[in-house]
Structure formats: structure tokens, C-alpha cells
Amino acid sequence: MRMTRRTICLLAALGLSGFAAGPARASKAKIRETIAIISESQARSIAWSAGLVHVEEILRYGDRWEIAGRSADHDEMMLDIDIRNGRILD
């Protein structure tokens, strides 16, 4: 089978595009690995600083910690904390 110059160029371009996508995927994965994640202990500390005095339940759901507990006045409180930066979500 005889390949034309155009076919060879197309095959070469396709081959090179695969090599270019590889490092891009690797760098995205590396960025995900370097994102700081708030630990459960840190989430509890953030909840206490927000007014919780007793944590009844703490669960991790995807990109947030959900914390249920009580305030000093025995009122129920629920907090969502961003797992990446510790910000209390609305």
C-alpha cells in the first residue's frame, strides 16, 4: 500500500497530539495532588471557632465536611466546611 505525503503528515500529527495530551493530563493530576485538604480534626476546630461546643456528627461529602452539633445555648447547629480551604459555606 502506498501512502501519500498527506496521509503521512496526518498520521504524524495524530501521533504527536497524543504525546502532547499526556503531559497535560499529568500536570492536572499533579495539581489535584497538591491541593490542601482540611482534615477532620481541622474541621472540628473550625466548627468550634464558629460556636459549636459539642459535635454530634461529622461526615465528609465530596468537597465539604458536614458537621452537626450544638451551641453553648444547646441550640442545634449545622455547618458545611469547604474541604479545600476551611471556609464555612452558606
N, C-alpha and C. Protein backbone atom coordinates (compact mmCIF):
# COMPACT_ATOMS: atom_id res chain seq x y z
N MET A 1 0.85 -1.18 0.00
CA MET A 1 0.00 0.00 0.00
C MET A 1 0.89 1.24 0.00
N ARG A 2 0.60 2.11 -0.87
CA ARG A 2 1.40 3.31 -1.00
C ARG A 2 0.73 4.46 -0.25
N MET A 3 1.47 5.11 0.66
CA MET A 3 0.94 6.24 1.41
C MET A 3 1.34 7.53 0.74
N THR A 4 0.39 8.42 0.70
CA THR A 4 0.69 9.73 0.14
C THR A 4 1.33 10.60 1.21
N ARG A 5 1.91 11.65 0.77
CA ARG A 5 2.56 12.58 1.69
C ARG A 5 1.55 13.15 2.68
N ARG A 6 0.34 13.40 2.20
CA ARG A 6 -0.71 13.96 3.06
C ARG A 6 -1.09 12.95 4.16
N THR A 7 -1.19 11.68 3.84
CA THR A 7 -1.53 10.65 4.81
C THR A 7 -0.44 10.54 5.87
N ILE A 8 0.81 10.60 5.44
CA ILE A 8 1.92 10.51 6.39
C ILE A 8 1.89 11.70 7.34
N CYS A 9 1.63 12.89 6.81
CA CYS A 9 1.56 14.09 7.66
C CYS A 9 0.42 13.99 8.66
N LEU A 10 -0.74 13.48 8.23
CA LEU A 10 -1.87 13.33 9.13
C LEU A 10 -1.57 12.33 10.24
N LEU A 11 -0.96 11.20 9.88
CA LEU A 11 -0.60 10.20 10.88
C LEU A 11 0.42 10.77 11.88
N ALA A 12 1.37 11.52 11.38
CA ALA A 12 2.38 12.12 12.26
C ALA A 12 1.72 13.13 13.20
N ALA A 13 0.79 13.92 12.69
CA ALA A 13 0.10 14.91 13.52
C ALA A 13 -0.73 14.23 14.60
N LEU A 14 -1.42 13.15 14.24
CA LEU A 14 -2.21 12.42 15.23
C LEU A 14 -1.32 11.81 16.30
N GLY A 15 -0.21 11.27 15.90
CA GLY A 15 0.72 10.68 16.85
C GLY A 15 1.28 11.70 17.81
N LEU A 16 1.64 12.87 17.30
CA LEU A 16 2.19 13.92 18.15
C LEU A 16 1.14 14.50 19.09
N SER A 17 -0.12 14.54 18.65
CA SER A 17 -1.16 15.10 19.52
C SER A 17 -1.36 14.21 20.74
N GLY A 18 -1.16 12.91 20.61
CA GLY A 18 -1.24 12.00 21.76
C GLY A 18 -0.15 12.28 22.76
N PHE A 19 1.05 12.59 22.29
CA PHE A 19 2.15 12.91 23.20
C PHE A 19 1.91 14.24 23.91
N ALA A 20 1.30 15.17 23.23
CA ALA A 20 1.05 16.48 23.84
C ALA A 20 -0.03 16.38 24.91
N ALA A 21 -1.02 15.50 24.75
CA ALA A 21 -2.09 15.38 25.73
C ALA A 21 -1.60 14.70 27.00
N GLY A 22 -0.63 13.83 26.90
CA GLY A 22 -0.13 13.11 28.07
C GLY A 22 0.39 14.02 29.16
N PRO A 23 1.31 14.94 28.88
CA PRO A 23 1.80 15.83 29.93
C PRO A 23 0.71 16.73 30.50
N ALA A 24 -0.26 17.13 29.67
CA ALA A 24 -1.34 17.98 30.17
C ALA A 24 -2.15 17.22 31.21
N ARG A 25 -2.45 15.97 30.95
CA ARG A 25 -3.19 15.16 31.92
C ARG A 25 -2.37 14.99 33.19
N ALA A 26 -1.11 14.76 33.04
CA ALA A 26 -0.24 14.55 34.20
C ALA A 26 -0.17 15.80 35.06
N SER A 27 -0.10 16.97 34.43
CA SER A 27 0.01 18.20 35.22
C SER A 27 -1.29 18.48 35.96
N LYS A 28 -2.45 18.16 35.37
CA LYS A 28 -3.72 18.34 36.07
C LYS A 28 -3.80 17.42 37.28
N ALA A 29 -3.34 16.19 37.10
CA ALA A 29 -3.34 15.26 38.23
C ALA A 29 -2.41 15.75 39.33
N LYS A 30 -1.28 16.30 38.95
CA LYS A 30 -0.32 16.81 39.94
C LYS A 30 -0.91 17.99 40.70
N ILE A 31 -1.66 18.85 40.01
CA ILE A 31 -2.29 19.99 40.66
C ILE A 31 -3.30 19.49 41.69
N ARG A 32 -4.09 18.46 41.34
CA ARG A 32 -5.06 17.92 42.29
C ARG A 32 -4.37 17.37 43.53
N GLU A 33 -3.21 16.77 43.35
CA GLU A 33 -2.49 16.19 44.48
C GLU A 33 -1.97 17.27 45.43
N THR A 34 -1.68 18.45 44.91
CA THR A 34 -1.08 19.49 45.73
C THR A 34 -2.12 20.36 46.44
N ILE A 35 -3.40 20.17 46.15
CA ILE A 35 -4.44 20.95 46.81
C ILE A 35 -4.54 20.48 48.26
N ALA A 36 -4.46 21.42 49.19
CA ALA A 36 -4.55 21.08 50.61
C ALA A 36 -5.96 20.62 50.94
N ILE A 37 -6.04 19.62 51.78
CA ILE A 37 -7.34 19.11 52.21
C ILE A 37 -7.42 19.27 53.72
N ILE A 38 -8.53 19.87 54.17
CA ILE A 38 -8.76 20.08 55.59
C ILE A 38 -9.08 18.72 56.22
N SER A 39 -8.36 18.38 57.28
CA SER A 39 -8.60 17.11 57.97
C SER A 39 -9.85 17.20 58.83
N GLU A 40 -10.30 16.05 59.32
CA GLU A 40 -11.46 16.03 60.20
C GLU A 40 -11.18 16.83 61.48
N SER A 41 -9.99 16.68 61.99
CA SER A 41 -9.59 17.41 63.20
C SER A 41 -9.62 18.92 62.96
N GLN A 42 -9.13 19.36 61.82
CA GLN A 42 -9.15 20.78 61.49
C GLN A 42 -10.58 21.27 61.30
N ALA A 43 -11.43 20.43 60.70
CA ALA A 43 -12.84 20.80 60.51
C ALA A 43 -13.53 20.97 61.87
N ARG A 44 -13.22 20.10 62.82
CA ARG A 44 -13.78 20.23 64.17
C ARG A 44 -13.34 21.55 64.81
N SER A 45 -12.07 21.89 64.67
CA SER A 45 -11.56 23.16 65.22
C SER A 45 -12.26 24.35 64.62
N ILE A 46 -12.50 24.31 63.32
CA ILE A 46 -13.21 25.39 62.64
C ILE A 46 -14.64 25.49 63.17
N ALA A 47 -15.29 24.34 63.36
CA ALA A 47 -16.66 24.32 63.88
C ALA A 47 -16.70 24.90 65.30
N TRP A 48 -15.73 24.54 66.13
CA TRP A 48 -15.68 25.08 67.50
C TRP A 48 -15.48 26.59 67.48
N SER A 49 -14.65 27.07 66.57
CA SER A 49 -14.43 28.52 66.48
C SER A 49 -15.68 29.24 65.97
N ALA A 50 -16.59 28.50 65.30
CA ALA A 50 -17.82 29.09 64.79
C ALA A 50 -18.95 29.02 65.82
N GLY A 51 -18.67 28.42 67.00
CA GLY A 51 -19.68 28.42 68.05
C GLY A 51 -20.20 27.06 68.47
N LEU A 52 -19.81 25.99 67.81
CA LEU A 52 -20.20 24.66 68.25
C LEU A 52 -19.42 24.30 69.50
N VAL A 53 -20.10 23.75 70.49
CA VAL A 53 -19.40 23.29 71.68
C VAL A 53 -19.45 21.77 71.80
N HIS A 54 -20.37 21.16 71.05
CA HIS A 54 -20.48 19.70 71.04
C HIS A 54 -20.76 19.24 69.61
N VAL A 55 -19.87 18.45 69.06
CA VAL A 55 -20.05 17.90 67.72
C VAL A 55 -20.73 16.54 67.86
N GLU A 56 -21.91 16.42 67.26
CA GLU A 56 -22.66 15.17 67.32
C GLU A 56 -22.36 14.26 66.13
N GLU A 57 -22.10 14.89 64.97
CA GLU A 57 -21.84 14.10 63.77
C GLU A 57 -20.98 14.92 62.82
N ILE A 58 -20.02 14.24 62.20
CA ILE A 58 -19.19 14.89 61.18
C ILE A 58 -19.00 13.90 60.04
N LEU A 59 -19.37 14.34 58.86
CA LEU A 59 -19.29 13.48 57.67
C LEU A 59 -18.63 14.24 56.54
N ARG A 60 -17.89 13.51 55.74
CA ARG A 60 -17.27 14.11 54.55
C ARG A 60 -18.11 13.74 53.33
N TYR A 61 -18.59 14.75 52.63
CA TYR A 61 -19.35 14.57 51.39
C TYR A 61 -18.63 15.30 50.27
N GLY A 62 -17.91 14.55 49.46
CA GLY A 62 -17.22 15.14 48.32
C GLY A 62 -16.24 16.23 48.72
N ASP A 63 -16.59 17.47 48.42
CA ASP A 63 -15.67 18.59 48.66
C ASP A 63 -16.01 19.39 49.90
N ARG A 64 -16.75 18.78 50.84
CA ARG A 64 -17.08 19.50 52.06
C ARG A 64 -17.24 18.56 53.25
N TRP A 65 -17.06 19.13 54.43
CA TRP A 65 -17.37 18.45 55.69
C TRP A 65 -18.73 18.96 56.13
N GLU A 66 -19.62 18.05 56.52
CA GLU A 66 -20.90 18.42 57.11
C GLU A 66 -20.83 18.10 58.59
N ILE A 67 -21.06 19.12 59.40
CA ILE A 67 -20.92 18.97 60.85
C ILE A 67 -22.23 19.37 61.52
N ALA A 68 -22.73 18.48 62.36
CA ALA A 68 -23.93 18.75 63.14
C ALA A 68 -23.55 18.73 64.61
N GLY A 69 -24.11 19.67 65.37
CA GLY A 69 -23.80 19.72 66.78
C GLY A 69 -24.67 20.72 67.49
N ARG A 70 -24.19 21.15 68.66
CA ARG A 70 -24.95 22.08 69.49
C ARG A 70 -24.08 23.25 69.93
N SER A 71 -24.75 24.37 70.09
CA SER A 71 -24.06 25.57 70.57
C SER A 71 -24.06 25.57 72.10
N ALA A 72 -23.47 26.58 72.69
CA ALA A 72 -23.44 26.71 74.15
C ALA A 72 -24.85 26.86 74.73
N ASP A 73 -25.78 27.37 73.93
CA ASP A 73 -27.18 27.53 74.35
C ASP A 73 -28.00 26.28 74.08
N HIS A 74 -27.34 25.20 73.70
CA HIS A 74 -27.99 23.91 73.38
C HIS A 74 -28.84 23.97 72.11
N ASP A 75 -28.60 24.97 71.29
CA ASP A 75 -29.30 25.05 70.00
C ASP A 75 -28.59 24.15 69.00
N GLU A 76 -29.37 23.53 68.11
CA GLU A 76 -28.78 22.70 67.06
C GLU A 76 -28.09 23.60 66.04
N MET A 77 -26.94 23.16 65.58
CA MET A 77 -26.21 23.89 64.55
C MET A 77 -25.75 22.89 63.50
N MET A 78 -25.77 23.33 62.26
CA MET A 78 -25.21 22.53 61.16
C MET A 78 -24.30 23.43 60.36
N LEU A 79 -23.12 22.93 60.06
CA LEU A 79 -22.14 23.68 59.28
C LEU A 79 -21.65 22.84 58.11
N ASP A 80 -21.42 23.48 57.00
CA ASP A 80 -20.73 22.88 55.86
C ASP A 80 -19.41 23.63 55.72
N ILE A 81 -18.32 22.87 55.67
CA ILE A 81 -16.99 23.46 55.58
C ILE A 81 -16.32 22.97 54.31
N ASP A 82 -15.83 23.91 53.52
CA ASP A 82 -15.12 23.56 52.28
C ASP A 82 -13.86 22.79 52.63
N ILE A 83 -13.69 21.63 52.02
CA ILE A 83 -12.58 20.75 52.37
C ILE A 83 -11.23 21.26 51.85
N ARG A 84 -11.27 22.16 50.86
CA ARG A 84 -10.03 22.66 50.27
C ARG A 84 -9.42 23.81 51.04
N ASN A 85 -10.29 24.67 51.63
CA ASN A 85 -9.74 25.88 52.26
C ASN A 85 -10.28 26.15 53.66
N GLY A 86 -11.21 25.35 54.16
CA GLY A 86 -11.72 25.53 55.50
C GLY A 86 -12.76 26.61 55.65
N ARG A 87 -13.23 27.16 54.53
CA ARG A 87 -14.23 28.22 54.57
C ARG A 87 -15.59 27.63 54.93
N ILE A 88 -16.33 28.30 55.80
CA ILE A 88 -17.68 27.86 56.16
C ILE A 88 -18.61 28.27 55.01
N LEU A 89 -19.33 27.30 54.47
CA LEU A 89 -20.22 27.54 53.34
C LEU A 89 -21.60 27.95 53.83
N ASP A 90 -22.33 28.70 52.99
CA ASP A 90 -23.70 29.14 53.36
C ASP A 90 -24.67 27.99 53.29
